[in-house]
Each structure stands twice: as structure tokens, then as C-alpha cells.
């Protein structure tokens, strides 16, 4: 039984390596990377941009048009959290 399990593992690894080789040949993938290149950062790399969405008044999803004001109302959760009203980033409880 142990020989059968080891044989299956060897076959699975060989199939994986053969598949990787065929894919690298078909798509002409160059394997010029070394461990040092994987972790090194080039000074020519562009700075990483923040993925945070912009913050609008009262936590709305988009900016209000001109001559309009930001308004958000939350009713609360039963007796646990009270209601809140936000107008132009001023929260009224």
C-alpha cells in the first residue's frame, strides 16, 4: 500500500512538472528570475498607490454636486445603538 501511495505522488509531481514545462514552452515564458530579484525593489518602480477610496462628507459613496449638501441618517439598532443624523460632516445624536 505504501508503494502505491508513493508511486501516485511521484506521478503527480511528474505530471505537474511536465505541464509546467509545456506551458512555459507554449507561452514562451522566460525563467530569468532569481531569489534575489524576486525580493529586490528597483528605484525605477513606480510608487505604490493607495487603494483606499476617497472619503466624502458623512461617509457617502460619492461627492455631492454643487449647491447641494451631504446628508446621512442612521436609525440605529433597537435599544443598543441610537439614531444619528449627519449633515455636512457634523453628526447630531
N, C-alpha and C. Protein backbone atom coordinates (compact mmCIF):
# COMPACT_ATOMS: atom_id res chain seq x y z
N UNK A 1 0.81 -1.19 0.00
CA UNK A 1 0.00 0.00 0.00
C UNK A 1 0.86 1.26 0.00
N UNK A 2 1.94 1.27 0.77
CA UNK A 2 2.78 2.44 0.84
C UNK A 2 3.47 2.71 -0.49
N UNK A 3 3.81 1.64 -1.22
CA UNK A 3 4.46 1.81 -2.51
C UNK A 3 3.49 2.44 -3.50
N UNK A 4 2.23 2.05 -3.44
CA UNK A 4 1.22 2.62 -4.34
C UNK A 4 1.03 4.11 -4.07
N UNK A 5 1.03 4.50 -2.79
CA UNK A 5 0.88 5.93 -2.45
C UNK A 5 2.07 6.73 -2.91
N UNK A 6 3.28 6.19 -2.73
CA UNK A 6 4.48 6.88 -3.17
C UNK A 6 4.51 6.99 -4.70
N UNK A 7 4.07 5.94 -5.38
CA UNK A 7 4.04 5.96 -6.85
C UNK A 7 3.06 7.03 -7.34
N UNK A 8 1.92 7.15 -6.69
CA UNK A 8 0.94 8.17 -7.07
C UNK A 8 1.51 9.57 -6.87
N UNK A 9 2.25 9.76 -5.79
CA UNK A 9 2.85 11.07 -5.53
C UNK A 9 3.89 11.40 -6.59
N UNK A 10 4.72 10.44 -6.94
CA UNK A 10 5.75 10.66 -7.96
C UNK A 10 5.10 10.97 -9.31
N UNK A 11 4.05 10.25 -9.66
CA UNK A 11 3.34 10.51 -10.91
C UNK A 11 2.71 11.90 -10.90
N UNK A 12 2.12 12.30 -9.79
CA UNK A 12 1.50 13.63 -9.70
C UNK A 12 2.55 14.72 -9.86
N UNK A 13 3.72 14.57 -9.22
CA UNK A 13 4.78 15.57 -9.35
C UNK A 13 5.29 15.62 -10.79
N UNK A 14 5.47 14.47 -11.42
CA UNK A 14 5.94 14.44 -12.80
C UNK A 14 4.92 15.09 -13.76
N UNK A 15 3.64 14.84 -13.54
CA UNK A 15 2.60 15.46 -14.37
C UNK A 15 2.63 16.97 -14.17
N UNK A 16 2.78 17.43 -12.94
CA UNK A 16 2.85 18.87 -12.68
C UNK A 16 4.05 19.50 -13.38
N UNK A 17 5.21 18.88 -13.27
CA UNK A 17 6.41 19.43 -13.91
C UNK A 17 6.29 19.40 -15.43
N UNK A 18 5.74 18.34 -15.99
CA UNK A 18 5.55 18.27 -17.43
C UNK A 18 4.57 19.33 -17.90
N UNK A 19 3.49 19.53 -17.16
CA UNK A 19 2.52 20.57 -17.51
C UNK A 19 3.16 21.95 -17.45
N UNK A 20 3.95 22.21 -16.43
CA UNK A 20 4.63 23.50 -16.31
C UNK A 20 5.59 23.71 -17.48
N UNK A 21 6.32 22.66 -17.85
CA UNK A 21 7.27 22.76 -18.96
C UNK A 21 6.55 23.06 -20.27
N UNK A 22 5.46 22.35 -20.53
CA UNK A 22 4.71 22.56 -21.77
C UNK A 22 4.13 23.97 -21.82
N UNK A 23 3.57 24.43 -20.72
CA UNK A 23 3.00 25.78 -20.69
C UNK A 23 4.09 26.83 -20.89
N UNK A 24 5.26 26.64 -20.27
CA UNK A 24 6.33 27.62 -20.44
C UNK A 24 6.85 27.63 -21.87
N UNK A 25 6.81 26.49 -22.55
CA UNK A 25 7.25 26.45 -23.95
C UNK A 25 6.21 27.06 -24.87
N UNK A 26 4.94 26.81 -24.62
CA UNK A 26 3.88 27.33 -25.48
C UNK A 26 3.79 28.84 -25.36
N UNK A 27 3.85 29.37 -24.14
CA UNK A 27 3.70 30.80 -23.94
C UNK A 27 5.03 31.53 -23.90
N UNK A 28 6.12 30.84 -24.18
CA UNK A 28 7.46 31.41 -24.26
C UNK A 28 7.80 32.20 -22.99
N UNK A 29 7.64 31.56 -21.84
CA UNK A 29 7.93 32.18 -20.55
C UNK A 29 9.41 32.04 -20.27
N UNK A 30 10.05 33.17 -19.96
CA UNK A 30 11.47 33.16 -19.64
C UNK A 30 11.64 33.06 -18.13
N UNK A 31 12.48 32.16 -17.68
CA UNK A 31 12.71 31.96 -16.25
C UNK A 31 14.04 32.59 -15.86
N UNK A 32 14.16 33.91 -15.96
CA UNK A 32 15.39 34.61 -15.62
C UNK A 32 15.38 35.12 -14.18
N UNK A 33 14.37 34.81 -13.43
CA UNK A 33 14.25 35.33 -12.07
C UNK A 33 15.09 34.50 -11.11
N UNK A 34 15.73 35.21 -10.19
CA UNK A 34 16.42 34.52 -9.10
C UNK A 34 15.77 34.96 -7.79
N UNK A 35 16.14 34.32 -6.71
CA UNK A 35 15.54 34.65 -5.43
C UNK A 35 15.83 36.09 -5.04
N UNK A 36 17.02 36.59 -5.36
CA UNK A 36 17.36 37.99 -5.05
C UNK A 36 16.51 38.96 -5.85
N UNK A 37 16.23 38.64 -7.11
CA UNK A 37 15.42 39.52 -7.95
C UNK A 37 13.96 39.54 -7.52
N UNK A 38 13.51 38.45 -6.93
CA UNK A 38 12.11 38.42 -6.51
C UNK A 38 11.83 39.38 -5.36
N UNK A 39 12.81 39.56 -4.47
CA UNK A 39 12.59 40.39 -3.29
C UNK A 39 13.18 41.79 -3.41
N UNK A 40 13.98 42.04 -4.44
CA UNK A 40 14.60 43.36 -4.60
C UNK A 40 13.63 44.32 -5.26
N UNK A 41 13.67 45.57 -4.83
CA UNK A 41 12.85 46.60 -5.45
C UNK A 41 13.74 47.53 -6.23
N UNK A 42 13.36 47.84 -7.41
CA UNK A 42 14.12 48.74 -8.26
C UNK A 42 13.72 50.18 -7.96
N UNK A 43 14.69 51.13 -8.00
CA UNK A 43 14.30 52.53 -7.81
C UNK A 43 13.46 53.05 -8.96
N UNK A 44 13.41 52.32 -10.07
CA UNK A 44 12.60 52.74 -11.20
C UNK A 44 11.15 52.32 -11.07
N UNK A 45 10.86 51.46 -10.08
CA UNK A 45 9.49 51.02 -9.87
C UNK A 45 8.63 52.23 -9.49
N UNK A 46 7.43 52.33 -10.04
CA UNK A 46 6.56 53.45 -9.65
C UNK A 46 6.14 53.30 -8.20
N UNK A 47 5.90 54.42 -7.51
CA UNK A 47 5.46 54.33 -6.11
C UNK A 47 4.10 53.63 -6.03
N UNK A 48 3.92 52.91 -4.97
CA UNK A 48 2.68 52.17 -4.77
C UNK A 48 1.58 53.15 -4.40
N UNK A 49 0.49 53.10 -5.16
CA UNK A 49 -0.63 53.99 -4.87
C UNK A 49 -1.53 53.38 -3.82
N UNK A 50 -2.14 54.24 -3.06
CA UNK A 50 -3.07 53.78 -2.04
C UNK A 50 -4.34 53.26 -2.72
N UNK A 51 -4.87 52.18 -2.21
CA UNK A 51 -6.09 51.63 -2.78
C UNK A 51 -7.33 52.06 -1.99
N UNK A 52 -7.14 52.99 -1.07
CA UNK A 52 -8.28 53.48 -0.29
C UNK A 52 -9.19 54.31 -1.19
N UNK A 53 -10.48 54.13 -1.06
CA UNK A 53 -11.39 55.00 -1.81
C UNK A 53 -11.37 56.40 -1.19
N UNK A 54 -11.68 57.42 -1.97
CA UNK A 54 -11.70 58.77 -1.41
C UNK A 54 -12.80 58.90 -0.35
N UNK A 55 -12.58 59.79 0.63
CA UNK A 55 -13.56 59.99 1.69
C UNK A 55 -14.41 61.21 1.37
N UNK A 56 -15.71 61.01 1.35
CA UNK A 56 -16.63 62.12 1.11
C UNK A 56 -17.32 62.47 2.42
N UNK A 57 -17.97 63.61 2.44
CA UNK A 57 -18.65 64.08 3.65
C UNK A 57 -19.71 63.08 4.09
N UNK A 58 -19.80 62.86 5.38
CA UNK A 58 -20.78 61.98 6.03
C UNK A 58 -20.66 60.53 5.58
N UNK A 59 -19.55 60.16 4.96
CA UNK A 59 -19.35 58.78 4.55
C UNK A 59 -20.20 58.35 3.37
N UNK A 60 -20.63 59.30 2.55
CA UNK A 60 -21.42 58.94 1.38
C UNK A 60 -20.54 58.28 0.33
N UNK A 61 -21.15 57.63 -0.65
CA UNK A 61 -20.39 56.88 -1.64
C UNK A 61 -19.86 57.75 -2.78
N UNK A 62 -20.42 58.93 -2.97
CA UNK A 62 -19.91 59.84 -4.00
C UNK A 62 -20.09 61.28 -3.54
N UNK A 63 -19.37 62.17 -4.19
CA UNK A 63 -19.41 63.57 -3.80
C UNK A 63 -20.75 64.19 -4.19
N UNK A 64 -21.19 65.15 -3.38
CA UNK A 64 -22.43 65.85 -3.69
C UNK A 64 -22.19 66.92 -4.75
N UNK A 65 -23.16 67.15 -5.63
CA UNK A 65 -22.99 68.21 -6.63
C UNK A 65 -22.97 69.59 -5.96
N UNK A 66 -22.56 70.58 -6.71
CA UNK A 66 -22.54 71.95 -6.17
C UNK A 66 -23.97 72.38 -5.83
N UNK A 67 -24.07 73.25 -4.85
CA UNK A 67 -25.35 73.78 -4.35
C UNK A 67 -26.21 72.69 -3.71
N UNK A 68 -25.58 71.59 -3.27
CA UNK A 68 -26.25 70.54 -2.53
C UNK A 68 -25.43 70.28 -1.27
N UNK A 69 -26.02 69.64 -0.28
CA UNK A 69 -25.27 69.34 0.94
C UNK A 69 -25.34 67.84 1.22
N UNK A 70 -24.32 67.37 1.95
CA UNK A 70 -24.25 65.97 2.30
C UNK A 70 -25.16 65.69 3.48
N UNK A 71 -25.92 64.60 3.41
CA UNK A 71 -26.87 64.25 4.45
C UNK A 71 -26.93 62.74 4.56
N UNK A 72 -26.85 62.24 5.80
CA UNK A 72 -26.96 60.81 6.02
C UNK A 72 -27.66 60.58 7.35
N UNK A 73 -28.59 59.63 7.36
CA UNK A 73 -29.33 59.34 8.58
C UNK A 73 -29.27 57.84 8.84
N UNK A 74 -28.93 57.47 10.10
CA UNK A 74 -28.92 56.07 10.52
C UNK A 74 -29.90 55.91 11.65
N UNK A 75 -30.78 54.93 11.55
CA UNK A 75 -31.84 54.80 12.55
C UNK A 75 -31.38 54.11 13.82
N UNK A 76 -30.22 53.46 13.80
CA UNK A 76 -29.75 52.76 14.99
C UNK A 76 -30.19 51.32 15.00
N UNK A 77 -29.91 50.62 16.10
CA UNK A 77 -30.26 49.20 16.20
C UNK A 77 -30.97 48.97 17.53
N UNK A 78 -32.27 49.01 17.50
CA UNK A 78 -33.11 48.78 18.67
C UNK A 78 -32.67 49.70 19.82
N UNK A 79 -32.44 49.15 21.00
CA UNK A 79 -32.01 49.96 22.14
C UNK A 79 -30.50 49.97 22.31
N UNK A 80 -29.79 49.30 21.41
CA UNK A 80 -28.34 49.17 21.56
C UNK A 80 -27.61 50.37 20.99
N UNK A 81 -27.93 50.76 19.76
CA UNK A 81 -27.27 51.89 19.10
C UNK A 81 -28.33 52.93 18.78
N UNK A 82 -28.07 54.14 19.17
CA UNK A 82 -29.03 55.21 18.95
C UNK A 82 -28.99 55.75 17.54
N UNK A 83 -30.00 56.53 17.17
CA UNK A 83 -30.04 57.11 15.82
C UNK A 83 -29.01 58.23 15.68
N UNK A 84 -28.56 58.44 14.44
CA UNK A 84 -27.60 59.51 14.16
C UNK A 84 -28.00 60.20 12.87
N UNK A 85 -27.80 61.49 12.85
CA UNK A 85 -28.03 62.29 11.65
C UNK A 85 -26.74 63.05 11.37
N UNK A 86 -26.27 62.99 10.14
CA UNK A 86 -25.05 63.68 9.74
C UNK A 86 -25.42 64.68 8.65
N UNK A 87 -25.03 65.94 8.84
CA UNK A 87 -25.24 66.98 7.85
C UNK A 87 -23.90 67.71 7.68
N UNK A 88 -23.36 67.64 6.46
CA UNK A 88 -22.09 68.30 6.13
C UNK A 88 -21.00 67.93 7.12
N UNK A 89 -20.84 66.66 7.43
CA UNK A 89 -19.82 66.12 8.32
C UNK A 89 -20.00 66.51 9.79
N UNK A 90 -21.16 67.00 10.17
CA UNK A 90 -21.49 67.26 11.57
C UNK A 90 -22.51 66.22 12.00
N UNK A 91 -22.15 65.41 13.02
CA UNK A 91 -23.04 64.34 13.48
C UNK A 91 -23.87 64.84 14.65
N UNK A 92 -25.18 64.65 14.52
CA UNK A 92 -26.13 65.02 15.58
C UNK A 92 -26.73 63.73 16.11
N UNK A 93 -26.68 63.56 17.43
CA UNK A 93 -27.18 62.34 18.04
C UNK A 93 -28.55 62.58 18.59
